[in-house]
Amino acid sequence: MIERIETSARMSKIVKHNGVAYLCGQVGSGDTVAEQTRDCLSRVDALLRDAGSSREQMLQAIVWLADMADFAEMNEVWDAWVPEGHAPARACGEAKLARAELKVEIIVTAAYPVD
């Protein structure tokens, strides 16, 4: 069974299937990469809760930066957020994001307990 949460004509915020929750990409607000990353990860936390999952159950993360020069600043926030011993498989690349003011977007996949 596939469960879609907060679905619109364009996308679902969460899609759950066979113990895996796929979260839509999250962006944050703020002027700096650090501020946007913190806000983005706060939104990921909320979606993980809604999916019945947590940071400790992350399987994969894909991070898009508008400028790879911001890699270290984003990683400083990321490293403080990821629970020790529970780092997901992760990729990070540079991409043109949806709006000029966006500096980071993060996509997370996580496991959740299946009844």
PDB file of N, CA and C in Angstrom:
ATOM      1  N   MET A   1       0.836  -1.191   0.000  1.00  0.00           N
ATOM      2  CA  MET A   1       0.000   0.000   0.000  1.00  0.00           C
ATOM      3  C   MET A   1       0.876   1.248   0.000  1.00  0.00           C
ATOM      4  N   ILE A   2       0.482   2.235  -0.755  1.00  0.00           N
ATOM      5  CA  ILE A   2       1.166   3.526  -0.797  1.00  0.00           C
ATOM      6  C   ILE A   2       0.281   4.540  -0.085  1.00  0.00           C
ATOM      7  N   GLU A   3       0.882   5.274   0.857  1.00  0.00           N
ATOM      8  CA  GLU A   3       0.164   6.331   1.579  1.00  0.00           C
ATOM      9  C   GLU A   3       0.782   7.668   1.212  1.00  0.00           C
ATOM     10  N   ARG A   4      -0.058   8.598   0.786  1.00  0.00           N
ATOM     11  CA  ARG A   4       0.396   9.944   0.427  1.00  0.00           C
ATOM     12  C   ARG A   4      -0.149  10.928   1.460  1.00  0.00           C
ATOM     13  N   ILE A   5       0.714  11.769   1.977  1.00  0.00           N
ATOM     14  CA  ILE A   5       0.345  12.717   3.027  1.00  0.00           C
ATOM     15  C   ILE A   5       0.528  14.134   2.498  1.00  0.00           C
ATOM     16  N   GLU A   6      -0.477  14.975   2.748  1.00  0.00           N
ATOM     17  CA  GLU A   6      -0.508  16.367   2.281  1.00  0.00           C
ATOM     18  C   GLU A   6      -0.253  16.422   0.773  1.00  0.00           C
ATOM     19  N   THR A   7      -1.179  15.823   0.052  1.00  0.00           N
ATOM     20  CA  THR A   7      -1.075  15.722  -1.398  1.00  0.00           C
ATOM     21  C   THR A   7      -1.824  16.853  -2.083  1.00  0.00           C
ATOM     22  N   SER A   8      -1.186  17.427  -3.087  1.00  0.00           N
ATOM     23  CA  SER A   8      -1.823  18.436  -3.942  1.00  0.00           C
ATOM     24  C   SER A   8      -1.778  17.912  -5.376  1.00  0.00           C
ATOM     25  N   ALA A   9      -2.215  18.723  -6.308  1.00  0.00           N
ATOM     26  CA  ALA A   9      -2.172  18.317  -7.716  1.00  0.00           C
ATOM     27  C   ALA A   9      -0.732  18.103  -8.183  1.00  0.00           C
ATOM     28  N   ARG A  10       0.220  18.816  -7.576  1.00  0.00           N
ATOM     29  CA  ARG A  10       1.609  18.764  -8.016  1.00  0.00           C
ATOM     30  C   ARG A  10       2.447  17.713  -7.299  1.00  0.00           C
ATOM     31  N   MET A  11       2.234  17.560  -5.998  1.00  0.00           N
ATOM     32  CA  MET A  11       3.132  16.696  -5.224  1.00  0.00           C
ATOM     33  C   MET A  11       2.534  16.338  -3.875  1.00  0.00           C
ATOM     34  N   SER A  12       3.167  15.376  -3.230  1.00  0.00           N
ATOM     35  CA  SER A  12       2.848  15.022  -1.849  1.00  0.00           C
ATOM     36  C   SER A  12       4.031  15.438  -0.993  1.00  0.00           C
ATOM     37  N   LYS A  13       3.772  15.883   0.226  1.00  0.00           N
ATOM     38  CA  LYS A  13       4.878  16.220   1.117  1.00  0.00           C
ATOM     39  C   LYS A  13       5.594  14.965   1.594  1.00  0.00           C
ATOM     40  N   ILE A  14       4.831  13.866   1.754  1.00  0.00           N
ATOM     41  CA  ILE A  14       5.393  12.588   2.199  1.00  0.00           C
ATOM     42  C   ILE A  14       4.716  11.479   1.413  1.00  0.00           C
ATOM     43  N   VAL A  15       5.494  10.517   0.967  1.00  0.00           N
ATOM     44  CA  VAL A  15       4.945   9.287   0.396  1.00  0.00           C
ATOM     45  C   VAL A  15       5.556   8.130   1.180  1.00  0.00           C
ATOM     46  N   LYS A  16       4.674   7.264   1.728  1.00  0.00           N
ATOM     47  CA  LYS A  16       5.128   6.122   2.529  1.00  0.00           C
ATOM     48  C   LYS A  16       4.809   4.819   1.797  1.00  0.00           C
ATOM     49  N   HIS A  17       5.811   3.914   1.799  1.00  0.00           N
ATOM     50  CA  HIS A  17       5.618   2.624   1.131  1.00  0.00           C
ATOM     51  C   HIS A  17       6.600   1.608   1.700  1.00  0.00           C
ATOM     52  N   ASN A  18       6.078   0.480   2.156  1.00  0.00           N
ATOM     53  CA  ASN A  18       6.918  -0.635   2.628  1.00  0.00           C
ATOM     54  C   ASN A  18       7.998  -0.215   3.626  1.00  0.00           C
ATOM     55  N   GLY A  19       7.640   0.603   4.589  1.00  0.00           N
ATOM     56  CA  GLY A  19       8.583   0.974   5.642  1.00  0.00           C
ATOM     57  C   GLY A  19       9.549   2.088   5.289  1.00  0.00           C
ATOM     58  N   VAL A  20       9.343   2.739   4.130  1.00  0.00           N
ATOM     59  CA  VAL A  20      10.209   3.851   3.731  1.00  0.00           C
ATOM     60  C   VAL A  20       9.347   5.088   3.495  1.00  0.00           C
ATOM     61  N   ALA A  21       9.770   6.207   4.080  1.00  0.00           N
ATOM     62  CA  ALA A  21       9.094   7.491   3.894  1.00  0.00           C
ATOM     63  C   ALA A  21       9.974   8.380   3.017  1.00  0.00           C
ATOM     64  N   TYR A  22       9.389   8.840   1.934  1.00  0.00           N
ATOM     65  CA  TYR A  22      10.069   9.729   0.997  1.00  0.00           C
ATOM     66  C   TYR A  22       9.541  11.136   1.238  1.00  0.00           C
ATOM     67  N   LEU A  23      10.413  12.054   1.631  1.00  0.00           N
ATOM     68  CA  LEU A  23       9.994  13.422   1.912  1.00  0.00           C
ATOM     69  C   LEU A  23      10.259  14.300   0.702  1.00  0.00           C
ATOM     70  N   CYS A  24       9.374  15.262   0.470  1.00  0.00           N
ATOM     71  CA  CYS A  24       9.623  16.214  -0.607  1.00  0.00           C
ATOM     72  C   CYS A  24      10.781  17.128  -0.195  1.00  0.00           C
ATOM     73  N   GLY A  25      11.381  17.767  -1.160  1.00  0.00           N
ATOM     74  CA  GLY A  25      12.500  18.669  -0.887  1.00  0.00           C
ATOM     75  C   GLY A  25      12.075  19.811   0.015  1.00  0.00           C
ATOM     76  N   GLN A  26      12.958  20.163   0.934  1.00  0.00           N
ATOM     77  CA  GLN A  26      12.670  21.235   1.886  1.00  0.00           C
ATOM     78  C   GLN A  26      13.663  22.373   1.711  1.00  0.00           C
ATOM     79  N   VAL A  27      13.138  23.582   1.750  1.00  0.00           N
ATOM     80  CA  VAL A  27      13.955  24.786   1.733  1.00  0.00           C
ATOM     81  C   VAL A  27      13.637  25.560   3.000  1.00  0.00           C
ATOM     82  N   GLY A  28      14.471  26.528   3.313  1.00  0.00           N
ATOM     83  CA  GLY A  28      14.253  27.311   4.519  1.00  0.00           C
ATOM     84  C   GLY A  28      14.309  28.792   4.237  1.00  0.00           C
ATOM     85  N   SER A  29      13.971  29.553   5.252  1.00  0.00           N
ATOM     86  CA  SER A  29      14.051  31.005   5.121  1.00  0.00           C
ATOM     87  C   SER A  29      15.267  31.506   5.884  1.00  0.00           C
ATOM     88  N   GLY A  30      15.650  32.733   5.580  1.00  0.00           N
ATOM     89  CA  GLY A  30      16.807  33.350   6.210  1.00  0.00           C
ATOM     90  C   GLY A  30      17.723  33.935   5.156  1.00  0.00           C
ATOM     91  N   ASP A  31      18.676  34.743   5.622  1.00  0.00           N
ATOM     92  CA  ASP A  31      19.584  35.417   4.696  1.00  0.00           C
ATOM     93  C   ASP A  31      20.853  34.624   4.427  1.00  0.00           C
ATOM     94  N   THR A  32      21.260  33.773   5.377  1.00  0.00           N
ATOM     95  CA  THR A  32      22.514  33.036   5.217  1.00  0.00           C
ATOM     96  C   THR A  32      22.245  31.555   4.964  1.00  0.00           C
ATOM     97  N   VAL A  33      23.259  30.866   4.497  1.00  0.00           N
ATOM     98  CA  VAL A  33      23.153  29.419   4.290  1.00  0.00           C
ATOM     99  C   VAL A  33      22.872  28.730   5.625  1.00  0.00           C
ATOM    100  N   ALA A  34      23.526  29.160   6.689  1.00  0.00           N
ATOM    101  CA  ALA A  34      23.312  28.555   8.005  1.00  0.00           C
ATOM    102  C   ALA A  34      21.862  28.729   8.453  1.00  0.00           C
ATOM    103  N   GLU A  35      21.302  29.928   8.302  1.00  0.00           N
ATOM    104  CA  GLU A  35      19.906  30.174   8.701  1.00  0.00           C
ATOM    105  C   GLU A  35      18.953  29.321   7.871  1.00  0.00           C
ATOM    106  N   GLN A  36      19.169  29.294   6.570  1.00  0.00           N
ATOM    107  CA  GLN A  36      18.290  28.505   5.711  1.00  0.00           C
ATOM    108  C   GLN A  36      18.408  27.017   6.014  1.00  0.00           C
ATOM    109  N   THR A  37      19.633  26.547   6.288  1.00  0.00           N
ATOM    110  CA  THR A  37      19.826  25.128   6.597  1.00  0.00           C
ATOM    111  C   THR A  37      19.121  24.763   7.895  1.00  0.00           C
ATOM    112  N   ARG A  38      19.267  25.593   8.940  1.00  0.00           N
ATOM    113  CA  ARG A  38      18.582  25.337  10.216  1.00  0.00           C
ATOM    114  C   ARG A  38      17.071  25.272  10.025  1.00  0.00           C
ATOM    115  N   ASP A  39      16.517  26.221   9.285  1.00  0.00           N
ATOM    116  CA  ASP A  39      15.075  26.254   9.063  1.00  0.00           C
ATOM    117  C   ASP A  39      14.634  25.052   8.234  1.00  0.00           C
ATOM    118  N   CYS A  40      15.393  24.742   7.221  1.00  0.00           N
ATOM    119  CA  CYS A  40      15.107  23.581   6.374  1.00  0.00           C
ATOM    120  C   CYS A  40      15.089  22.294   7.201  1.00  0.00           C
ATOM    121  N   LEU A  41      16.077  22.106   8.051  1.00  0.00           N
ATOM    122  CA  LEU A  41      16.152  20.894   8.868  1.00  0.00           C
ATOM    123  C   LEU A  41      15.040  20.846   9.909  1.00  0.00           C
ATOM    124  N   SER A  42      14.593  21.984  10.371  1.00  0.00           N
ATOM    125  CA  SER A  42      13.433  22.037  11.269  1.00  0.00           C
ATOM    126  C   SER A  42      12.190  21.526  10.536  1.00  0.00           C
ATOM    127  N   ARG A  43      12.063  21.876   9.274  1.00  0.00           N
ATOM    128  CA  ARG A  43      10.938  21.403   8.459  1.00  0.00           C
ATOM    129  C   ARG A  43      11.062  19.900   8.199  1.00  0.00           C
ATOM    130  N   VAL A  44      12.282  19.422   7.997  1.00  0.00           N
ATOM    131  CA  VAL A  44      12.508  17.980   7.832  1.00  0.00           C
ATOM    132  C   VAL A  44      12.084  17.257   9.107  1.00  0.00           C
ATOM    133  N   ASP A  45      12.460  17.792  10.272  1.00  0.00           N
ATOM    134  CA  ASP A  45      12.044  17.195  11.550  1.00  0.00           C
ATOM    135  C   ASP A  45      10.523  17.040  11.614  1.00  0.00           C
ATOM    136  N   ALA A  46       9.792  18.075  11.227  1.00  0.00           N
ATOM    137  CA  ALA A  46       8.326  18.036  11.276  1.00  0.00           C
ATOM    138  C   ALA A  46       7.775  16.965  10.331  1.00  0.00           C
ATOM    139  N   LEU A  47       8.334  16.870   9.136  1.00  0.00           N
ATOM    140  CA  LEU A  47       7.871  15.850   8.194  1.00  0.00           C
ATOM    141  C   LEU A  47       8.213  14.452   8.688  1.00  0.00           C
ATOM    142  N   LEU A  48       9.390  14.286   9.265  1.00  0.00           N
ATOM    143  CA  LEU A  48       9.755  12.975   9.818  1.00  0.00           C
ATOM    144  C   LEU A  48       8.760  12.565  10.896  1.00  0.00           C
ATOM    145  N   ARG A  49       8.391  13.494  11.784  1.00  0.00           N
ATOM    146  CA  ARG A  49       7.387  13.201  12.814  1.00  0.00           C
ATOM    147  C   ARG A  49       6.061  12.802  12.163  1.00  0.00           C
ATOM    148  N   ASP A  50       5.643  13.563  11.159  1.00  0.00           N
ATOM    149  CA  ASP A  50       4.378  13.268  10.478  1.00  0.00           C
ATOM    150  C   ASP A  50       4.409  11.897   9.800  1.00  0.00           C
ATOM    151  N   ALA A  51       5.600  11.462   9.400  1.00  0.00           N
ATOM    152  CA  ALA A  51       5.752  10.161   8.739  1.00  0.00           C
ATOM    153  C   ALA A  51       5.908   9.030   9.741  1.00  0.00           C
ATOM    154  N   GLY A  52       5.986   9.351  11.037  1.00  0.00           N
ATOM    155  CA  GLY A  52       6.203   8.324  12.057  1.00  0.00           C
ATOM    156  C   GLY A  52       7.655   7.873  12.096  1.00  0.00           C
ATOM    157  N   SER A  53       8.556   8.762  11.732  1.00  0.00           N
ATOM    158  CA  SER A  53       9.984   8.437  11.680  1.00  0.00           C
ATOM    159  C   SER A  53      10.768   9.450  12.517  1.00  0.00           C
ATOM    160  N   SER A  54      12.077   9.452  12.345  1.00  0.00           N
ATOM    161  CA  SER A  54      12.933  10.361  13.115  1.00  0.00           C
ATOM    162  C   SER A  54      14.287  10.485  12.426  1.00  0.00           C
ATOM    163  N   ARG A  55      15.085  11.400  12.934  1.00  0.00           N
ATOM    164  CA  ARG A  55      16.451  11.567  12.414  1.00  0.00           C
ATOM    165  C   ARG A  55      17.253  10.280  12.490  1.00  0.00           C
ATOM    166  N   GLU A  56      17.034   9.520  13.544  1.00  0.00           N
ATOM    167  CA  GLU A  56      17.785   8.277  13.740  1.00  0.00           C
ATOM    168  C   GLU A  56      17.455   7.221  12.688  1.00  0.00           C
ATOM    169  N   GLN A  57      16.372   7.413  11.968  1.00  0.00           N
ATOM    170  CA  GLN A  57      15.942   6.422  10.977  1.00  0.00           C
ATOM    171  C   GLN A  57      16.169   6.897   9.533  1.00  0.00           C
ATOM    172  N   MET A  58      16.908   7.993   9.366  1.00  0.00           N
ATOM    173  CA  MET A  58      17.185   8.475   8.011  1.00  0.00           C
ATOM    174  C   MET A  58      18.022   7.454   7.247  1.00  0.00           C
ATOM    175  N   LEU A  59      17.667   7.258   6.000  1.00  0.00           N
ATOM    176  CA  LEU A  59      18.403   6.358   5.127  1.00  0.00           C
ATOM    177  C   LEU A  59      19.299   7.127   4.161  1.00  0.00           C
ATOM    178  N   GLN A  60      18.756   8.212   3.592  1.00  0.00           N
ATOM    179  CA  GLN A  60      19.483   8.963   2.583  1.00  0.00           C
ATOM    180  C   GLN A  60      19.107  10.432   2.647  1.00  0.00           C
ATOM    181  N   ALA A  61      20.057  11.285   2.309  1.00  0.00           N
ATOM    182  CA  ALA A  61      19.789  12.718   2.175  1.00  0.00           C
ATOM    183  C   ALA A  61      20.490  13.209   0.914  1.00  0.00           C
ATOM    184  N   ILE A  62      19.796  14.059   0.200  1.00  0.00           N
ATOM    185  CA  ILE A  62      20.376  14.733  -0.960  1.00  0.00           C
ATOM    186  C   ILE A  62      20.316  16.219  -0.663  1.00  0.00           C
ATOM    187  N   VAL A  63      21.467  16.870  -0.729  1.00  0.00           N
ATOM    188  CA  VAL A  63      21.566  18.292  -0.430  1.00  0.00           C
ATOM    189  C   VAL A  63      21.936  19.025  -1.720  1.00  0.00           C
ATOM    190  N   TRP A  64      21.143  20.026  -2.062  1.00  0.00           N
ATOM    191  CA  TRP A  64      21.453  20.888  -3.189  1.00  0.00           C
ATOM    192  C   TRP A  64      21.826  22.263  -2.665  1.00  0.00           C
ATOM    193  N   LEU A  65      22.952  22.764  -3.093  1.00  0.00           N
ATOM    194  CA  LEU A  65      23.399  24.112  -2.740  1.00  0.00           C
ATOM    195  C   LEU A  65      23.393  24.972  -3.999  1.00  0.00           C
ATOM    196  N   ALA A  66      22.985  26.227  -3.863  1.00  0.00           N
ATOM    197  CA  ALA A  66      23.042  27.153  -4.988  1.00  0.00           C
ATOM    198  C   ALA A  66      24.497  27.448  -5.352  1.00  0.00           C
ATOM    199  N   ASP A  67      25.390  27.330  -4.360  1.00  0.00           N
ATOM    200  CA  ASP A  67      26.810  27.612  -4.578  1.00  0.00           C
ATOM    201  C   ASP A  67      27.636  26.688  -3.681  1.00  0.00           C
ATOM    202  N   MET A  68      28.475  25.849  -4.273  1.00  0.00           N
ATOM    203  CA  MET A  68      29.288  24.914  -3.486  1.00  0.00           C
ATOM    204  C   MET A  68      30.266  25.628  -2.559  1.00  0.00           C
ATOM    205  N   ALA A  69      30.467  26.916  -2.748  1.00  0.00           N
ATOM    206  CA  ALA A  69      31.308  27.688  -1.823  1.00  0.00           C
ATOM    207  C   ALA A  69      30.682  27.709  -0.428  1.00  0.00           C
ATOM    208  N   ASP A  70      29.389  27.391  -0.325  1.00  0.00           N
ATOM    209  CA  ASP A  70      28.677  27.378   0.960  1.00  0.00           C
ATOM    210  C   ASP A  70      28.699  26.008   1.635  1.00  0.00           C
ATOM    211  N   PHE A  71      29.445  25.053   1.091  1.00  0.00           N
ATOM    212  CA  PHE A  71      29.481  23.676   1.586  1.00  0.00           C
ATOM    213  C   PHE A  71      29.854  23.605   3.066  1.00  0.00           C
ATOM    214  N   ALA A  72      30.910  24.276   3.475  1.00  0.00           N
ATOM    215  CA  ALA A  72      31.368  24.213   4.870  1.00  0.00           C
ATOM    216  C   ALA A  72      30.335  24.819   5.825  1.00  0.00           C
ATOM    217  N   GLU A  73      29.728  25.925   5.437  1.00  0.00           N
ATOM    218  CA  GLU A  73      28.731  26.580   6.300  1.00  0.00           C
ATOM    219  C   GLU A  73      27.502  25.689   6.478  1.00  0.00           C
ATOM    220  N   MET A  74      27.041  25.058   5.405  1.00  0.00           N
ATOM    221  CA  MET A  74      25.912  24.139   5.500  1.00  0.00           C
ATOM    222  C   MET A  74      26.282  22.938   6.363  1.00  0.00           C
ATOM    223  N   ASN A  75      27.488  22.377   6.150  1.00  0.00           N
ATOM    224  CA  ASN A  75      27.916  21.197   6.906  1.00  0.00           C
ATOM    225  C   ASN A  75      28.011  21.456   8.401  1.00  0.00           C
ATOM    226  N   GLU A  76      28.360  22.652   8.792  1.00  0.00           N
ATOM    227  CA  GLU A  76      28.449  22.979  10.217  1.00  0.00           C
ATOM    228  C   GLU A  76      27.087  22.796  10.888  1.00  0.00           C
ATOM    229  N   VAL A  77      26.028  23.252  10.225  1.00  0.00           N
ATOM    230  CA  VAL A  77      24.670  23.099  10.755  1.00  0.00           C
ATOM    231  C   VAL A  77      24.237  21.628  10.650  1.00  0.00           C
ATOM    232  N   TRP A  78      24.494  21.018   9.515  1.00  0.00           N
ATOM    233  CA  TRP A  78      24.125  19.623   9.285  1.00  0.00           C
ATOM    234  C   TRP A  78      24.753  18.712  10.337  1.00  0.00           C
ATOM    235  N   ASP A  79      26.061  18.869  10.561  1.00  0.00           N
ATOM    236  CA  ASP A  79      26.780  17.995  11.489  1.00  0.00           C
ATOM    237  C   ASP A  79      26.230  18.091  12.912  1.00  0.00           C
ATOM    238  N   ALA A  80      25.789  19.278  13.312  1.00  0.00           N
ATOM    239  CA  ALA A  80      25.214  19.458  14.648  1.00  0.00           C
ATOM    240  C   ALA A  80      23.816  18.849  14.736  1.00  0.00           C
ATOM    241  N   TRP A  81      23.135  18.723  13.609  1.00  0.00           N
ATOM    242  CA  TRP A  81      21.748  18.233  13.573  1.00  0.00           C
ATOM    243  C   TRP A  81      21.658  16.706  13.509  1.00  0.00           C
ATOM    244  N   VAL A  82      22.565  16.065  12.791  1.00  0.00           N
ATOM    245  CA  VAL A  82      22.505  14.611  12.612  1.00  0.00           C
ATOM    246  C   VAL A  82      22.924  13.917  13.903  1.00  0.00           C
ATOM    247  N   PRO A  83      22.100  12.992  14.415  1.00  0.00           N
ATOM    248  CA  PRO A  83      22.465  12.275  15.640  1.00  0.00           C
ATOM    249  C   PRO A  83      23.727  11.421  15.417  1.00  0.00           C
ATOM    250  N   GLU A  84      24.618  11.459  16.385  1.00  0.00           N
ATOM    251  CA  GLU A  84      25.861  10.701  16.272  1.00  0.00           C
ATOM    252  C   GLU A  84      25.558   9.223  16.034  1.00  0.00           C
ATOM    253  N   GLY A  85      26.239   8.657  15.067  1.00  0.00           N
ATOM    254  CA  GLY A  85      26.065   7.255  14.746  1.00  0.00           C
ATOM    255  C   GLY A  85      24.884   6.962  13.832  1.00  0.00           C
ATOM    256  N   HIS A  86      24.165   8.009  13.387  1.00  0.00           N
ATOM    257  CA  HIS A  86      22.975   7.810  12.562  1.00  0.00           C
ATOM    258  C   HIS A  86      23.028   8.620  11.264  1.00  0.00           C
ATOM    259  N   ALA A  87      24.221   8.905  10.783  1.00  0.00           N
ATOM    260  CA  ALA A  87      24.342   9.674   9.539  1.00  0.00           C
ATOM    261  C   ALA A  87      23.802   8.848   8.367  1.00  0.00           C
ATOM    262  N   PRO A  88      22.968   9.460   7.530  1.00  0.00           N
ATOM    263  CA  PRO A  88      22.443   8.746   6.365  1.00  0.00           C
ATOM    264  C   PRO A  88      23.468   8.730   5.234  1.00  0.00           C
ATOM    265  N   ALA A  89      23.223   7.914   4.228  1.00  0.00           N
ATOM    266  CA  ALA A  89      23.974   8.051   2.986  1.00  0.00           C
ATOM    267  C   ALA A  89      23.621   9.441   2.459  1.00  0.00           C
ATOM    268  N   ARG A  90      24.617  10.185   1.954  1.00  0.00           N
ATOM    269  CA  ARG A  90      24.330  11.564   1.568  1.00  0.00           C
ATOM    270  C   ARG A  90      25.098  11.949   0.315  1.00  0.00           C
ATOM    271  N   ALA A  91      24.447  12.744  -0.500  1.00  0.00           N
ATOM    272  CA  ALA A  91      25.081  13.360  -1.661  1.00  0.00           C
ATOM    273  C   ALA A  91      24.842  14.862  -1.563  1.00  0.00           C
ATOM    274  N   CYS A  92      25.775  15.636  -2.081  1.00  0.00           N
ATOM    275  CA  CYS A  92      25.629  17.090  -2.083  1.00  0.00           C
ATOM    276  C   CYS A  92      26.139  17.609  -3.413  1.00  0.00           C
ATOM    277  N   GLY A  93      25.354  18.460  -4.043  1.00  0.00           N
ATOM    278  CA  GLY A  93      25.766  19.034  -5.312  1.00  0.00           C
ATOM    279  C   GLY A  93      25.282  20.455  -5.445  1.00  0.00           C
ATOM    280  N   GLU A  94      25.719  21.089  -6.508  1.00  0.00           N
ATOM    281  CA  GLU A  94      25.324  22.462  -6.792  1.00  0.00           C
ATOM    282  C   GLU A  94      24.231  22.444  -7.846  1.00  0.00           C
ATOM    283  N   ALA A  95      23.198  23.263  -7.637  1.00  0.00           N
ATOM    284  CA  ALA A  95      22.092  23.333  -8.584  1.00  0.00           C
ATOM    285  C   ALA A  95      21.458  24.717  -8.544  1.00  0.00           C
ATOM    286  N   LYS A  96      20.859  25.092  -9.646  1.00  0.00           N
ATOM    287  CA  LYS A  96      20.061  26.306  -9.663  1.00  0.00           C
ATOM    288  C   LYS A  96      18.740  25.963  -8.987  1.00  0.00           C
ATOM    289  N   LEU A  97      18.429  26.615  -7.874  1.00  0.00           N
ATOM    290  CA  LEU A  97      17.229  26.311  -7.104  1.00  0.00           C
ATOM    291  C   LEU A  97      16.035  27.111  -7.640  1.00  0.00           C
ATOM    292  N   ALA A  98      14.852  26.806  -7.146  1.00  0.00           N
ATOM    293  CA  ALA A  98      13.596  27.334  -7.693  1.00  0.00           C
ATOM    294  C   ALA A  98      13.478  28.857  -7.635  1.00  0.00           C
ATOM    295  N   ARG A  99      14.062  29.476  -6.616  1.00  0.00           N
ATOM    296  CA  ARG A  99      14.007  30.933  -6.480  1.00  0.00           C
ATOM    297  C   ARG A  99      15.405  31.460  -6.186  1.00  0.00           C
ATOM    298  N   ALA A 100      15.705  32.649  -6.649  1.00  0.00           N
ATOM    299  CA  ALA A 100      17.047  33.220  -6.534  1.00  0.00           C
ATOM    300  C   ALA A 100      17.519  33.342  -5.085  1.00  0.00           C
ATOM    301  N   GLU A 101      16.599  33.573  -4.138  1.00  0.00           N
ATOM    302  CA  GLU A 101      17.003  33.766  -2.741  1.00  0.00           C
ATOM    303  C   GLU A 101      17.321  32.455  -2.019  1.00  0.00           C
ATOM    304  N   LEU A 102      16.976  31.324  -2.614  1.00  0.00           N
ATOM    305  CA  LEU A 102      17.231  30.030  -1.979  1.00  0.00           C
ATOM    306  C   LEU A 102      18.694  29.642  -2.116  1.00  0.00           C
ATOM    307  N   LYS A 103      19.250  29.146  -1.009  1.00  0.00           N
ATOM    308  CA  LYS A 103      20.649  28.750  -0.979  1.00  0.00           C
ATOM    309  C   LYS A 103      20.842  27.254  -0.774  1.00  0.00           C
ATOM    310  N   VAL A 104      19.823  26.576  -0.232  1.00  0.00           N
ATOM    311  CA  VAL A 104      19.943  25.151   0.078  1.00  0.00           C
ATOM    312  C   VAL A 104      18.575  24.471  -0.013  1.00  0.00           C
ATOM    313  N   GLU A 105      18.584  23.233  -0.491  1.00  0.00           N
ATOM    314  CA  GLU A 105      17.394  22.379  -0.480  1.00  0.00           C
ATOM    315  C   GLU A 105      17.847  20.989  -0.069  1.00  0.00           C
ATOM    316  N   ILE A 106      17.056  20.357   0.805  1.00  0.00           N
ATOM    317  CA  ILE A 106      17.419  19.029   1.313  1.00  0.00           C
ATOM    318  C   ILE A 106      16.258  18.070   1.120  1.00  0.00           C
ATOM    319  N   ILE A 107      16.579  16.890   0.603  1.00  0.00           N
ATOM    320  CA  ILE A 107      15.599  15.826   0.360  1.00  0.00           C
ATOM    321  C   ILE A 107      16.014  14.623   1.222  1.00  0.00           C
ATOM    322  N   VAL A 108      15.094  14.118   2.024  1.00  0.00           N
ATOM    323  CA  VAL A 108      15.407  13.030   2.952  1.00  0.00           C
ATOM    324  C   VAL A 108      14.492  11.833   2.696  1.00  0.00           C
ATOM    325  N   THR A 109      15.072  10.645   2.802  1.00  0.00           N
ATOM    326  CA  THR A 109      14.341   9.385   2.798  1.00  0.00           C
ATOM    327  C   THR A 109      14.632   8.716   4.130  1.00  0.00           C
ATOM    328  N   ALA A 110      13.601   8.155   4.771  1.00  0.00           N
ATOM    329  CA  ALA A 110      13.786   7.557   6.097  1.00  0.00           C
ATOM    330  C   ALA A 110      12.928   6.316   6.249  1.00  0.00           C
ATOM    331  N   ALA A 111      13.368   5.433   7.123  1.00  0.00           N
ATOM    332  CA  ALA A 111      12.576   4.261   7.465  1.00  0.00           C
ATOM    333  C   ALA A 111      11.552   4.648   8.528  1.00  0.00           C
ATOM    334  N   TYR A 112      10.477   3.869   8.601  1.00  0.00           N
ATOM    335  CA  TYR A 112       9.492   4.019   9.680  1.00  0.00           C
ATOM    336  C   TYR A 112       9.018   2.623  10.059  1.00  0.00           C
ATOM    337  N   PRO A 113       8.588   2.445  11.293  1.00  0.00           N
ATOM    338  CA  PRO A 113       8.134   1.115  11.722  1.00  0.00           C
ATOM    339  C   PRO A 113       6.874   0.692  10.979  1.00  0.00           C
ATOM    340  N   VAL A 114       6.849  -0.537  10.523  1.00  0.00           N
ATOM    341  CA  VAL A 114       5.684  -1.081   9.831  1.00  0.00           C
ATOM    342  C   VAL A 114       4.932  -1.969  10.816  1.00  0.00           C
ATOM    343  N   ASP A 115       3.635  -1.760  10.916  1.00  0.00           N
ATOM    344  CA  ASP A 115       2.816  -2.552  11.849  1.00  0.00           C
ATOM    345  C   ASP A 115       2.684  -3.978  11.406  1.00  0.00           C
TER     346      ASP A 115
END
